[in-house]
Amino acid sequence: MSFKFGLILSMFFVVLFFLFGIDMIGLQLTYSELDQKAITIGYLIAKRGGFDDEYIDYIEQKYDVLFTCLNNCNPKFGDVVEYKLQDEYNPLIINNHVVLVSVFRSTVIGYYN
C-alpha cells in the first residue's frame, strides 16, 4: 500500500520535472532562433550601409522581432553599430507571464562590401 502511495506522489514530481525540461528546451530554441536572426540582420545592415526607421520596420515585420539600436544609430562607413533584438516566449511552468528573450549584437557598417 505504501509503495503505491509513494509511486503516485513521485509521479507528481516527475511530471513537474518534464514540464520544467520542456520550458528549458523551449527557451533554448527561442534563443537559438533569435541568435540566427541577429546574425542575418547584422549582415543585412552591414551590407546596406546603415538603417533608418523604414528599414527597422521592415526588419521587425519580416523577422518578427523587436529591434533596438543601442549605440551609434546614425552610422557612417566603418562604424560599429550595437543593437538588441527581443522576442517573446510563453513558458509553461517557469513563469506566469511572457518572458522576453534578448540578444545583444554589433556589426561593422560596410564590412561585407
PDB file of N, CA and C in Angstrom:
ATOM      1  N   MET A   1       0.821  -1.194   0.000  1.00  0.00           N
ATOM      2  CA  MET A   1       0.000   0.000   0.000  1.00  0.00           C
ATOM      3  C   MET A   1       0.866   1.258   0.000  1.00  0.00           C
ATOM      4  N   SER A   2       1.882   1.284   0.853  1.00  0.00           N
ATOM      5  CA  SER A   2       2.734   2.476   0.920  1.00  0.00           C
ATOM      6  C   SER A   2       3.564   2.624  -0.359  1.00  0.00           C
ATOM      7  N   PHE A   3       3.873   1.505  -1.017  1.00  0.00           N
ATOM      8  CA  PHE A   3       4.608   1.561  -2.280  1.00  0.00           C
ATOM      9  C   PHE A   3       3.775   2.269  -3.345  1.00  0.00           C
ATOM     10  N   LYS A   4       2.503   1.933  -3.438  1.00  0.00           N
ATOM     11  CA  LYS A   4       1.618   2.555  -4.417  1.00  0.00           C
ATOM     12  C   LYS A   4       1.435   4.040  -4.112  1.00  0.00           C
ATOM     13  N   PHE A   5       1.296   4.363  -2.853  1.00  0.00           N
ATOM     14  CA  PHE A   5       1.131   5.761  -2.455  1.00  0.00           C
ATOM     15  C   PHE A   5       2.397   6.563  -2.770  1.00  0.00           C
ATOM     16  N   GLY A   6       3.537   6.003  -2.502  1.00  0.00           N
ATOM     17  CA  GLY A   6       4.802   6.669  -2.824  1.00  0.00           C
ATOM     18  C   GLY A   6       4.996   6.832  -4.321  1.00  0.00           C
ATOM     19  N   LEU A   7       4.581   5.845  -5.099  1.00  0.00           N
ATOM     20  CA  LEU A   7       4.683   5.917  -6.546  1.00  0.00           C
ATOM     21  C   LEU A   7       3.791   7.023  -7.102  1.00  0.00           C
ATOM     22  N   ILE A   8       2.598   7.146  -6.583  1.00  0.00           N
ATOM     23  CA  ILE A   8       1.684   8.202  -7.038  1.00  0.00           C
ATOM     24  C   ILE A   8       2.243   9.579  -6.699  1.00  0.00           C
ATOM     25  N   LEU A   9       2.782   9.752  -5.507  1.00  0.00           N
ATOM     26  CA  LEU A   9       3.364  11.041  -5.124  1.00  0.00           C
ATOM     27  C   LEU A   9       4.599  11.376  -5.956  1.00  0.00           C
ATOM     28  N   SER A  10       5.401  10.380  -6.253  1.00  0.00           N
ATOM     29  CA  SER A  10       6.613  10.649  -7.023  1.00  0.00           C
ATOM     30  C   SER A  10       6.292  11.001  -8.473  1.00  0.00           C
ATOM     31  N   MET A  11       5.195  10.480  -9.003  1.00  0.00           N
ATOM     32  CA  MET A  11       4.811  10.816 -10.378  1.00  0.00           C
ATOM     33  C   MET A  11       4.512  12.306 -10.528  1.00  0.00           C
ATOM     34  N   PHE A  12       4.010  12.931  -9.477  1.00  0.00           N
ATOM     35  CA  PHE A  12       3.762  14.371  -9.496  1.00  0.00           C
ATOM     36  C   PHE A  12       5.078  15.124  -9.737  1.00  0.00           C
ATOM     37  N   PHE A  13       6.135  14.732  -9.056  1.00  0.00           N
ATOM     38  CA  PHE A  13       7.425  15.385  -9.228  1.00  0.00           C
ATOM     39  C   PHE A  13       8.040  15.075 -10.598  1.00  0.00           C
ATOM     40  N   VAL A  14       7.806  13.905 -11.115  1.00  0.00           N
ATOM     41  CA  VAL A  14       8.318  13.538 -12.436  1.00  0.00           C
ATOM     42  C   VAL A  14       7.658  14.400 -13.511  1.00  0.00           C
ATOM     43  N   VAL A  15       6.350  14.610 -13.396  1.00  0.00           N
ATOM     44  CA  VAL A  15       5.631  15.453 -14.364  1.00  0.00           C
ATOM     45  C   VAL A  15       6.140  16.882 -14.294  1.00  0.00           C
ATOM     46  N   LEU A  16       6.340  17.412 -13.094  1.00  0.00           N
ATOM     47  CA  LEU A  16       6.878  18.769 -12.952  1.00  0.00           C
ATOM     48  C   LEU A  16       8.283  18.869 -13.533  1.00  0.00           C
ATOM     49  N   PHE A  17       9.083  17.840 -13.354  1.00  0.00           N
ATOM     50  CA  PHE A  17      10.433  17.823 -13.917  1.00  0.00           C
ATOM     51  C   PHE A  17      10.386  17.859 -15.435  1.00  0.00           C
ATOM     52  N   PHE A  18       9.500  17.074 -16.046  1.00  0.00           N
ATOM     53  CA  PHE A  18       9.372  17.080 -17.503  1.00  0.00           C
ATOM     54  C   PHE A  18       8.865  18.421 -18.019  1.00  0.00           C
ATOM     55  N   LEU A  19       7.915  19.043 -17.345  1.00  0.00           N
ATOM     56  CA  LEU A  19       7.427  20.356 -17.755  1.00  0.00           C
ATOM     57  C   LEU A  19       8.530  21.403 -17.662  1.00  0.00           C
ATOM     58  N   PHE A  20       9.339  21.331 -16.620  1.00  0.00           N
ATOM     59  CA  PHE A  20      10.460  22.250 -16.485  1.00  0.00           C
ATOM     60  C   PHE A  20      11.472  22.027 -17.617  1.00  0.00           C
ATOM     61  N   GLY A  21      11.724  20.783 -17.956  1.00  0.00           N
ATOM     62  CA  GLY A  21      12.631  20.472 -19.064  1.00  0.00           C
ATOM     63  C   GLY A  21      12.105  20.979 -20.392  1.00  0.00           C
ATOM     64  N   ILE A  22      10.805  20.845 -20.615  1.00  0.00           N
ATOM     65  CA  ILE A  22      10.200  21.355 -21.843  1.00  0.00           C
ATOM     66  C   ILE A  22      10.349  22.867 -21.914  1.00  0.00           C
ATOM     67  N   ASP A  23      10.163  23.561 -20.797  1.00  0.00           N
ATOM     68  CA  ASP A  23      10.358  25.016 -20.770  1.00  0.00           C
ATOM     69  C   ASP A  23      11.801  25.395 -21.079  1.00  0.00           C
ATOM     70  N   MET A  24      12.742  24.674 -20.523  1.00  0.00           N
ATOM     71  CA  MET A  24      14.150  24.979 -20.782  1.00  0.00           C
ATOM     72  C   MET A  24      14.505  24.748 -22.256  1.00  0.00           C
ATOM     73  N   ILE A  25      13.981  23.687 -22.839  1.00  0.00           N
ATOM     74  CA  ILE A  25      14.219  23.426 -24.261  1.00  0.00           C
ATOM     75  C   ILE A  25      13.573  24.508 -25.108  1.00  0.00           C
ATOM     76  N   GLY A  26      12.364  24.926 -24.750  1.00  0.00           N
ATOM     77  CA  GLY A  26      11.686  25.995 -25.481  1.00  0.00           C
ATOM     78  C   GLY A  26      12.438  27.314 -25.415  1.00  0.00           C
ATOM     79  N   LEU A  27      12.974  27.641 -24.237  1.00  0.00           N
ATOM     80  CA  LEU A  27      13.783  28.865 -24.105  1.00  0.00           C
ATOM     81  C   LEU A  27      15.041  28.780 -24.953  1.00  0.00           C
ATOM     82  N   GLN A  28      15.679  27.626 -24.954  1.00  0.00           N
ATOM     83  CA  GLN A  28      16.895  27.455 -25.753  1.00  0.00           C
ATOM     84  C   GLN A  28      16.599  27.560 -27.244  1.00  0.00           C
ATOM     85  N   LEU A  29      15.492  26.991 -27.686  1.00  0.00           N
ATOM     86  CA  LEU A  29      15.117  27.094 -29.100  1.00  0.00           C
ATOM     87  C   LEU A  29      14.800  28.535 -29.489  1.00  0.00           C
ATOM     88  N   THR A  30      14.127  29.263 -28.597  1.00  0.00           N
ATOM     89  CA  THR A  30      13.823  30.676 -28.861  1.00  0.00           C
ATOM     90  C   THR A  30      15.106  31.480 -28.939  1.00  0.00           C
ATOM     91  N   TYR A  31      16.041  31.230 -28.029  1.00  0.00           N
ATOM     92  CA  TYR A  31      17.313  31.950 -28.049  1.00  0.00           C
ATOM     93  C   TYR A  31      18.120  31.616 -29.309  1.00  0.00           C
ATOM     94  N   SER A  32      18.145  30.354 -29.702  1.00  0.00           N
ATOM     95  CA  SER A  32      18.893  29.961 -30.899  1.00  0.00           C
ATOM     96  C   SER A  32      18.301  30.589 -32.152  1.00  0.00           C
ATOM     97  N   GLU A  33      16.982  30.611 -32.241  1.00  0.00           N
ATOM     98  CA  GLU A  33      16.322  31.233 -33.381  1.00  0.00           C
ATOM     99  C   GLU A  33      16.594  32.732 -33.416  1.00  0.00           C
ATOM    100  N   LEU A  34      16.571  33.370 -32.256  1.00  0.00           N
ATOM    101  CA  LEU A  34      16.853  34.804 -32.181  1.00  0.00           C
ATOM    102  C   LEU A  34      18.310  35.100 -32.541  1.00  0.00           C
ATOM    103  N   ASP A  35      19.215  34.221 -32.147  1.00  0.00           N
ATOM    104  CA  ASP A  35      20.621  34.381 -32.497  1.00  0.00           C
ATOM    105  C   ASP A  35      20.829  34.271 -34.002  1.00  0.00           C
ATOM    106  N   GLN A  36      20.148  33.336 -34.637  1.00  0.00           N
ATOM    107  CA  GLN A  36      20.239  33.202 -36.089  1.00  0.00           C
ATOM    108  C   GLN A  36      19.696  34.442 -36.794  1.00  0.00           C
ATOM    109  N   LYS A  37      18.593  34.961 -36.293  1.00  0.00           N
ATOM    110  CA  LYS A  37      18.027  36.183 -36.870  1.00  0.00           C
ATOM    111  C   LYS A  37      18.972  37.362 -36.685  1.00  0.00           C
ATOM    112  N   ALA A  38      19.649  37.435 -35.531  1.00  0.00           N
ATOM    113  CA  ALA A  38      20.582  38.539 -35.262  1.00  0.00           C
ATOM    114  C   ALA A  38      21.763  38.506 -36.229  1.00  0.00           C
ATOM    115  N   ILE A  39      22.254  37.329 -36.541  1.00  0.00           N
ATOM    116  CA  ILE A  39      23.362  37.215 -37.492  1.00  0.00           C
ATOM    117  C   ILE A  39      22.915  37.688 -38.877  1.00  0.00           C
ATOM    118  N   THR A  40      21.728  37.269 -39.302  1.00  0.00           N
ATOM    119  CA  THR A  40      21.207  37.678 -40.603  1.00  0.00           C
ATOM    120  C   THR A  40      20.955  39.182 -40.656  1.00  0.00           C
ATOM    121  N   ILE A  41      20.364  39.729 -39.609  1.00  0.00           N
ATOM    122  CA  ILE A  41      20.071  41.161 -39.570  1.00  0.00           C
ATOM    123  C   ILE A  41      21.364  41.971 -39.550  1.00  0.00           C
ATOM    124  N   GLY A  42      22.363  41.516 -38.807  1.00  0.00           N
ATOM    125  CA  GLY A  42      23.658  42.200 -38.802  1.00  0.00           C
ATOM    126  C   GLY A  42      24.291  42.222 -40.173  1.00  0.00           C
ATOM    127  N   TYR A  43      24.177  41.111 -40.886  1.00  0.00           N
ATOM    128  CA  TYR A  43      24.710  41.052 -42.254  1.00  0.00           C
ATOM    129  C   TYR A  43      23.969  42.025 -43.166  1.00  0.00           C
ATOM    130  N   LEU A  44      22.644  42.064 -43.063  1.00  0.00           N
ATOM    131  CA  LEU A  44      21.855  42.949 -43.918  1.00  0.00           C
ATOM    132  C   LEU A  44      22.153  44.420 -43.644  1.00  0.00           C
ATOM    133  N   ILE A  45      22.314  44.777 -42.381  1.00  0.00           N
ATOM    134  CA  ILE A  45      22.621  46.169 -42.030  1.00  0.00           C
ATOM    135  C   ILE A  45      24.007  46.541 -42.538  1.00  0.00           C
ATOM    136  N   ALA A  46      24.979  45.658 -42.356  1.00  0.00           N
ATOM    137  CA  ALA A  46      26.343  45.939 -42.813  1.00  0.00           C
ATOM    138  C   ALA A  46      26.389  46.049 -44.328  1.00  0.00           C
ATOM    139  N   LYS A  47      25.659  45.187 -45.009  1.00  0.00           N
ATOM    140  CA  LYS A  47      25.660  45.196 -46.474  1.00  0.00           C
ATOM    141  C   LYS A  47      24.944  46.432 -47.017  1.00  0.00           C
ATOM    142  N   ARG A  48      23.874  46.842 -46.370  1.00  0.00           N
ATOM    143  CA  ARG A  48      23.111  48.015 -46.823  1.00  0.00           C
ATOM    144  C   ARG A  48      23.858  49.305 -46.546  1.00  0.00           C
ATOM    145  N   GLY A  49      24.689  49.315 -45.547  1.00  0.00           N
ATOM    146  CA  GLY A  49      25.447  50.524 -45.218  1.00  0.00           C
ATOM    147  C   GLY A  49      24.771  51.408 -44.195  1.00  0.00           C
ATOM    148  N   GLY A  50      23.809  50.889 -43.478  1.00  0.00           N
ATOM    149  CA  GLY A  50      23.109  51.658 -42.445  1.00  0.00           C
ATOM    150  C   GLY A  50      21.656  51.250 -42.378  1.00  0.00           C
ATOM    151  N   PHE A  51      20.901  52.022 -41.631  1.00  0.00           N
ATOM    152  CA  PHE A  51      19.473  51.743 -41.474  1.00  0.00           C
ATOM    153  C   PHE A  51      18.748  53.027 -41.103  1.00  0.00           C
ATOM    154  N   ASP A  52      17.470  53.053 -41.380  1.00  0.00           N
ATOM    155  CA  ASP A  52      16.602  54.148 -40.988  1.00  0.00           C
ATOM    156  C   ASP A  52      15.326  53.548 -40.393  1.00  0.00           C
ATOM    157  N   ASP A  53      14.371  54.388 -40.029  1.00  0.00           N
ATOM    158  CA  ASP A  53      13.147  53.892 -39.393  1.00  0.00           C
ATOM    159  C   ASP A  53      12.359  52.954 -40.309  1.00  0.00           C
ATOM    160  N   GLU A  54      12.341  53.253 -41.584  1.00  0.00           N
ATOM    161  CA  GLU A  54      11.620  52.401 -42.528  1.00  0.00           C
ATOM    162  C   GLU A  54      12.254  51.016 -42.619  1.00  0.00           C
ATOM    163  N   TYR A  55      13.575  50.968 -42.631  1.00  0.00           N
ATOM    164  CA  TYR A  55      14.267  49.683 -42.701  1.00  0.00           C
ATOM    165  C   TYR A  55      14.104  48.899 -41.399  1.00  0.00           C
ATOM    166  N   ILE A  56      14.088  49.584 -40.270  1.00  0.00           N
ATOM    167  CA  ILE A  56      13.861  48.923 -38.979  1.00  0.00           C
ATOM    168  C   ILE A  56      12.460  48.311 -38.945  1.00  0.00           C
ATOM    169  N   ASP A  57      11.455  49.040 -39.447  1.00  0.00           N
ATOM    170  CA  ASP A  57      10.100  48.485 -39.516  1.00  0.00           C
ATOM    171  C   ASP A  57      10.055  47.243 -40.403  1.00  0.00           C
ATOM    172  N   TYR A  58      10.780  47.297 -41.530  1.00  0.00           N
ATOM    173  CA  TYR A  58      10.849  46.135 -42.424  1.00  0.00           C
ATOM    174  C   TYR A  58      11.469  44.930 -41.709  1.00  0.00           C
ATOM    175  N   ILE A  59      12.552  45.163 -40.977  1.00  0.00           N
ATOM    176  CA  ILE A  59      13.224  44.084 -40.239  1.00  0.00           C
ATOM    177  C   ILE A  59      12.300  43.499 -39.181  1.00  0.00           C
ATOM    178  N   GLU A  60      11.621  44.370 -38.426  1.00  0.00           N
ATOM    179  CA  GLU A  60      10.743  43.899 -37.364  1.00  0.00           C
ATOM    180  C   GLU A  60       9.576  43.087 -37.910  1.00  0.00           C
ATOM    181  N   GLN A  61       9.046  43.481 -39.056  1.00  0.00           N
ATOM    182  CA  GLN A  61       7.929  42.740 -39.637  1.00  0.00           C
ATOM    183  C   GLN A  61       8.378  41.429 -40.261  1.00  0.00           C
ATOM    184  N   LYS A  62       9.491  41.457 -40.961  1.00  0.00           N
ATOM    185  CA  LYS A  62       9.947  40.246 -41.651  1.00  0.00           C
ATOM    186  C   LYS A  62      10.421  39.170 -40.676  1.00  0.00           C
ATOM    187  N   TYR A  63      11.173  39.577 -39.651  1.00  0.00           N
ATOM    188  CA  TYR A  63      11.768  38.600 -38.737  1.00  0.00           C
ATOM    189  C   TYR A  63      11.006  38.453 -37.426  1.00  0.00           C
ATOM    190  N   ASP A  64       9.938  39.214 -37.245  1.00  0.00           N
ATOM    191  CA  ASP A  64       9.085  39.136 -36.055  1.00  0.00           C
ATOM    192  C   ASP A  64       9.900  39.296 -34.760  1.00  0.00           C
ATOM    193  N   VAL A  65      10.663  40.384 -34.694  1.00  0.00           N
ATOM    194  CA  VAL A  65      11.473  40.717 -33.524  1.00  0.00           C
ATOM    195  C   VAL A  65      11.281  42.191 -33.190  1.00  0.00           C
ATOM    196  N   LEU A  66      11.761  42.572 -32.027  1.00  0.00           N
ATOM    197  CA  LEU A  66      11.794  43.977 -31.634  1.00  0.00           C
ATOM    198  C   LEU A  66      13.242  44.444 -31.724  1.00  0.00           C
ATOM    199  N   PHE A  67      13.524  45.377 -32.629  1.00  0.00           N
ATOM    200  CA  PHE A  67      14.874  45.873 -32.883  1.00  0.00           C
ATOM    201  C   PHE A  67      15.072  47.160 -32.107  1.00  0.00           C
ATOM    202  N   THR A  68      16.177  47.245 -31.350  1.00  0.00           N
ATOM    203  CA  THR A  68      16.518  48.453 -30.608  1.00  0.00           C
ATOM    204  C   THR A  68      17.981  48.783 -30.855  1.00  0.00           C
ATOM    205  N   CYS A  69      18.227  49.990 -31.359  1.00  0.00           N
ATOM    206  CA  CYS A  69      19.606  50.437 -31.565  1.00  0.00           C
ATOM    207  C   CYS A  69      20.145  50.934 -30.227  1.00  0.00           C
ATOM    208  N   LEU A  70      21.319  50.462 -29.840  1.00  0.00           N
ATOM    209  CA  LEU A  70      21.888  50.822 -28.548  1.00  0.00           C
ATOM    210  C   LEU A  70      22.974  51.879 -28.651  1.00  0.00           C
ATOM    211  N   ASN A  71      23.753  51.859 -29.721  1.00  0.00           N
ATOM    212  CA  ASN A  71      24.892  52.754 -29.834  1.00  0.00           C
ATOM    213  C   ASN A  71      25.128  53.073 -31.299  1.00  0.00           C
ATOM    214  N   ASN A  72      25.421  54.346 -31.588  1.00  0.00           N
ATOM    215  CA  ASN A  72      25.775  54.795 -32.929  1.00  0.00           C
ATOM    216  C   ASN A  72      24.646  54.509 -33.923  1.00  0.00           C
ATOM    217  N   CYS A  73      23.507  55.151 -33.700  1.00  0.00           N
ATOM    218  CA  CYS A  73      22.311  54.882 -34.501  1.00  0.00           C
ATOM    219  C   CYS A  73      22.312  55.587 -35.856  1.00  0.00           C
ATOM    220  N   ASN A  74      23.230  56.499 -36.086  1.00  0.00           N
ATOM    221  CA  ASN A  74      23.404  57.124 -37.398  1.00  0.00           C
ATOM    222  C   ASN A  74      24.826  56.848 -37.877  1.00  0.00           C
ATOM    223  N   PRO A  75      25.084  55.623 -38.316  1.00  0.00           N
ATOM    224  CA  PRO A  75      26.467  55.228 -38.601  1.00  0.00           C
ATOM    225  C   PRO A  75      26.954  55.711 -39.968  1.00  0.00           C
ATOM    226  N   LYS A  76      28.261  55.762 -40.074  1.00  0.00           N
ATOM    227  CA  LYS A  76      28.937  56.018 -41.342  1.00  0.00           C
ATOM    228  C   LYS A  76      29.715  54.758 -41.700  1.00  0.00           C
ATOM    229  N   PHE A  77      30.327  54.770 -42.853  1.00  0.00           N
ATOM    230  CA  PHE A  77      31.088  53.612 -43.311  1.00  0.00           C
ATOM    231  C   PHE A  77      32.218  53.296 -42.328  1.00  0.00           C
ATOM    232  N   GLY A  78      32.287  52.066 -41.873  1.00  0.00           N
ATOM    233  CA  GLY A  78      33.327  51.626 -40.961  1.00  0.00           C
ATOM    234  C   GLY A  78      32.973  51.743 -39.497  1.00  0.00           C
ATOM    235  N   ASP A  79      31.830  52.334 -39.161  1.00  0.00           N
ATOM    236  CA  ASP A  79      31.415  52.463 -37.763  1.00  0.00           C
ATOM    237  C   ASP A  79      30.824  51.153 -37.252  1.00  0.00           C
ATOM    238  N   VAL A  80      30.898  50.991 -35.951  1.00  0.00           N
ATOM    239  CA  VAL A  80      30.321  49.814 -35.300  1.00  0.00           C
ATOM    240  C   VAL A  80      28.955  50.195 -34.736  1.00  0.00           C
ATOM    241  N   VAL A  81      27.955  49.411 -35.060  1.00  0.00           N
ATOM    242  CA  VAL A  81      26.593  49.626 -34.575  1.00  0.00           C
ATOM    243  C   VAL A  81      26.249  48.512 -33.600  1.00  0.00           C
ATOM    244  N   GLU A  82      25.785  48.887 -32.427  1.00  0.00           N
ATOM    245  CA  GLU A  82      25.350  47.910 -31.439  1.00  0.00           C
ATOM    246  C   GLU A  82      23.830  47.940 -31.376  1.00  0.00           C
ATOM    247  N   TYR A  83      23.225  46.761 -31.361  1.00  0.00           N
ATOM    248  CA  TYR A  83      21.772  46.672 -31.342  1.00  0.00           C
ATOM    249  C   TYR A  83      21.322  45.503 -30.483  1.00  0.00           C
ATOM    250  N   LYS A  84      20.032  45.531 -30.153  1.00  0.00           N
ATOM    251  CA  LYS A  84      19.429  44.477 -29.339  1.00  0.00           C
ATOM    252  C   LYS A  84      18.190  43.968 -30.054  1.00  0.00           C
ATOM    253  N   LEU A  85      18.030  42.670 -30.085  1.00  0.00           N
ATOM    254  CA  LEU A  85      16.831  42.040 -30.620  1.00  0.00           C
ATOM    255  C   LEU A  85      16.107  41.335 -29.487  1.00  0.00           C
ATOM    256  N   GLN A  86      14.777  41.463 -29.466  1.00  0.00           N
ATOM    257  CA  GLN A  86      13.970  40.811 -28.440  1.00  0.00           C
ATOM    258  C   GLN A  86      12.867  39.992 -29.089  1.00  0.00           C
ATOM    259  N   ASP A  87      12.552  38.897 -28.436  1.00  0.00           N
ATOM    260  CA  ASP A  87      11.447  38.048 -28.851  1.00  0.00           C
ATOM    261  C   ASP A  87      10.748  37.553 -27.595  1.00  0.00           C
ATOM    262  N   GLU A  88       9.509  37.120 -27.739  1.00  0.00           N
ATOM    263  CA  GLU A  88       8.719  36.668 -26.596  1.00  0.00           C
ATOM    264  C   GLU A  88       8.663  35.140 -26.546  1.00  0.00           C
ATOM    265  N   TYR A  89       8.602  34.619 -25.309  1.00  0.00           N
ATOM    266  CA  TYR A  89       8.416  33.187 -25.092  1.00  0.00           C
ATOM    267  C   TYR A  89       7.358  33.013 -24.007  1.00  0.00           C
ATOM    268  N   ASN A  90       6.370  32.180 -24.280  1.00  0.00           N
ATOM    269  CA  ASN A  90       5.314  31.891 -23.307  1.00  0.00           C
ATOM    270  C   ASN A  90       5.633  30.584 -22.601  1.00  0.00           C
ATOM    271  N   PRO A  91       6.150  30.649 -21.373  1.00  0.00           N
ATOM    272  CA  PRO A  91       6.542  29.419 -20.674  1.00  0.00           C
ATOM    273  C   PRO A  91       5.340  28.652 -20.121  1.00  0.00           C
ATOM    274  N   LEU A  92       5.557  27.366 -19.888  1.00  0.00           N
ATOM    275  CA  LEU A  92       4.516  26.521 -19.322  1.00  0.00           C
ATOM    276  C   LEU A  92       4.483  26.619 -17.807  1.00  0.00           C
ATOM    277  N   ILE A  93       5.657  26.547 -17.164  1.00  0.00           N
ATOM    278  CA  ILE A  93       5.692  26.426 -15.712  1.00  0.00           C
ATOM    279  C   ILE A  93       6.668  27.396 -15.041  1.00  0.00           C
ATOM    280  N   ILE A  94       7.638  27.909 -15.782  1.00  0.00           N
ATOM    281  CA  ILE A  94       8.658  28.758 -15.174  1.00  0.00           C
ATOM    282  C   ILE A  94       8.073  30.070 -14.675  1.00  0.00           C
ATOM    283  N   ASN A  95       7.192  30.688 -15.460  1.00  0.00           N
ATOM    284  CA  ASN A  95       6.657  31.992 -15.132  1.00  0.00           C
ATOM    285  C   ASN A  95       5.224  32.072 -15.640  1.00  0.00           C
ATOM    286  N   ASN A  96       4.409  32.898 -14.989  1.00  0.00           N
ATOM    287  CA  ASN A  96       3.030  33.084 -15.432  1.00  0.00           C
ATOM    288  C   ASN A  96       2.917  34.114 -16.541  1.00  0.00           C
ATOM    289  N   HIS A  97       3.948  34.906 -16.735  1.00  0.00           N
ATOM    290  CA  HIS A  97       3.934  35.978 -17.713  1.00  0.00           C
ATOM    291  C   HIS A  97       4.851  35.629 -18.888  1.00  0.00           C
ATOM    292  N   VAL A  98       4.753  36.452 -19.912  1.00  0.00           N
ATOM    293  CA  VAL A  98       5.598  36.282 -21.088  1.00  0.00           C
ATOM    294  C   VAL A  98       7.042  36.625 -20.720  1.00  0.00           C
ATOM    295  N   VAL A  99       7.979  35.806 -21.175  1.00  0.00           N
ATOM    296  CA  VAL A  99       9.402  36.020 -20.928  1.00  0.00           C
ATOM    297  C   VAL A  99      10.012  36.654 -22.180  1.00  0.00           C
ATOM    298  N   LEU A 100      10.721  37.770 -22.006  1.00  0.00           N
ATOM    299  CA  LEU A 100      11.405  38.411 -23.124  1.00  0.00           C
ATOM    300  C   LEU A 100      12.822  37.858 -23.222  1.00  0.00           C
ATOM    301  N   VAL A 101      13.148  37.327 -24.372  1.00  0.00           N
ATOM    302  CA  VAL A 101      14.486  36.799 -24.629  1.00  0.00           C
ATOM    303  C   VAL A 101      15.215  37.846 -25.470  1.00  0.00           C
ATOM    304  N   SER A 102      16.398  38.270 -25.024  1.00  0.00           N
ATOM    305  CA  SER A 102      17.141  39.332 -25.696  1.00  0.00           C
ATOM    306  C   SER A 102      18.499  38.836 -26.172  1.00  0.00           C
ATOM    307  N   VAL A 103      18.938  39.400 -27.298  1.00  0.00           N
ATOM    308  CA  VAL A 103      20.253  39.123 -27.852  1.00  0.00           C
ATOM    309  C   VAL A 103      20.896  40.464 -28.179  1.00  0.00           C
ATOM    310  N   PHE A 104      22.127  40.667 -27.708  1.00  0.00           N
ATOM    311  CA  PHE A 104      22.881  41.885 -27.989  1.00  0.00           C
ATOM    312  C   PHE A 104      23.954  41.564 -29.021  1.00  0.00           C
ATOM    313  N   ARG A 105      23.986  42.339 -30.099  1.00  0.00           N
ATOM    314  CA  ARG A 105      24.956  42.113 -31.164  1.00  0.00           C
ATOM    315  C   ARG A 105      25.506  43.434 -31.668  1.00  0.00           C
ATOM    316  N   SER A 106      26.560  43.342 -32.450  1.00  0.00           N
ATOM    317  CA  SER A 106      27.134  44.521 -33.098  1.00  0.00           C
ATOM    318  C   SER A 106      27.570  44.126 -34.498  1.00  0.00           C
ATOM    319  N   THR A 107      27.658  45.121 -35.369  1.00  0.00           N
ATOM    320  CA  THR A 107      28.090  44.895 -36.744  1.00  0.00           C
ATOM    321  C   THR A 107      28.864  46.110 -37.227  1.00  0.00           C
ATOM    322  N   VAL A 108      29.733  45.891 -38.182  1.00  0.00           N
ATOM    323  CA  VAL A 108      30.532  46.963 -38.779  1.00  0.00           C
ATOM    324  C   VAL A 108      29.888  47.348 -40.104  1.00  0.00           C
ATOM    325  N   ILE A 109      29.587  48.605 -40.259  1.00  0.00           N
ATOM    326  CA  ILE A 109      28.920  49.087 -41.464  1.00  0.00           C
ATOM    327  C   ILE A 109      29.878  49.001 -42.658  1.00  0.00           C
ATOM    328  N   GLY A 110      29.407  48.370 -43.727  1.00  0.00           N
ATOM    329  CA  GLY A 110      30.190  48.272 -44.950  1.00  0.00           C
ATOM    330  C   GLY A 110      31.248  47.186 -44.944  1.00  0.00           C
ATOM    331  N   TYR A 111      31.281  46.353 -43.933  1.00  0.00           N
ATOM    332  CA  TYR A 111      32.333  45.333 -43.815  1.00  0.00           C
ATOM    333  C   TYR A 111      32.229  44.284 -44.909  1.00  0.00           C
ATOM    334  N   TYR A 112      31.016  43.921 -45.310  1.00  0.00           N
ATOM    335  CA  TYR A 112      30.808  42.835 -46.265  1.00  0.00           C
ATOM    336  C   TYR A 112      30.862  43.282 -47.709  1.00  0.00           C
ATOM    337  N   ASN A 113      31.001  44.574 -47.982  1.00  0.00           N
ATOM    338  CA  ASN A 113      31.022  45.051 -49.380  1.00  0.00           C
ATOM    339  C   ASN A 113      32.375  44.895 -50.001  1.00  0.00           C
TER     340      ASN A 113
END
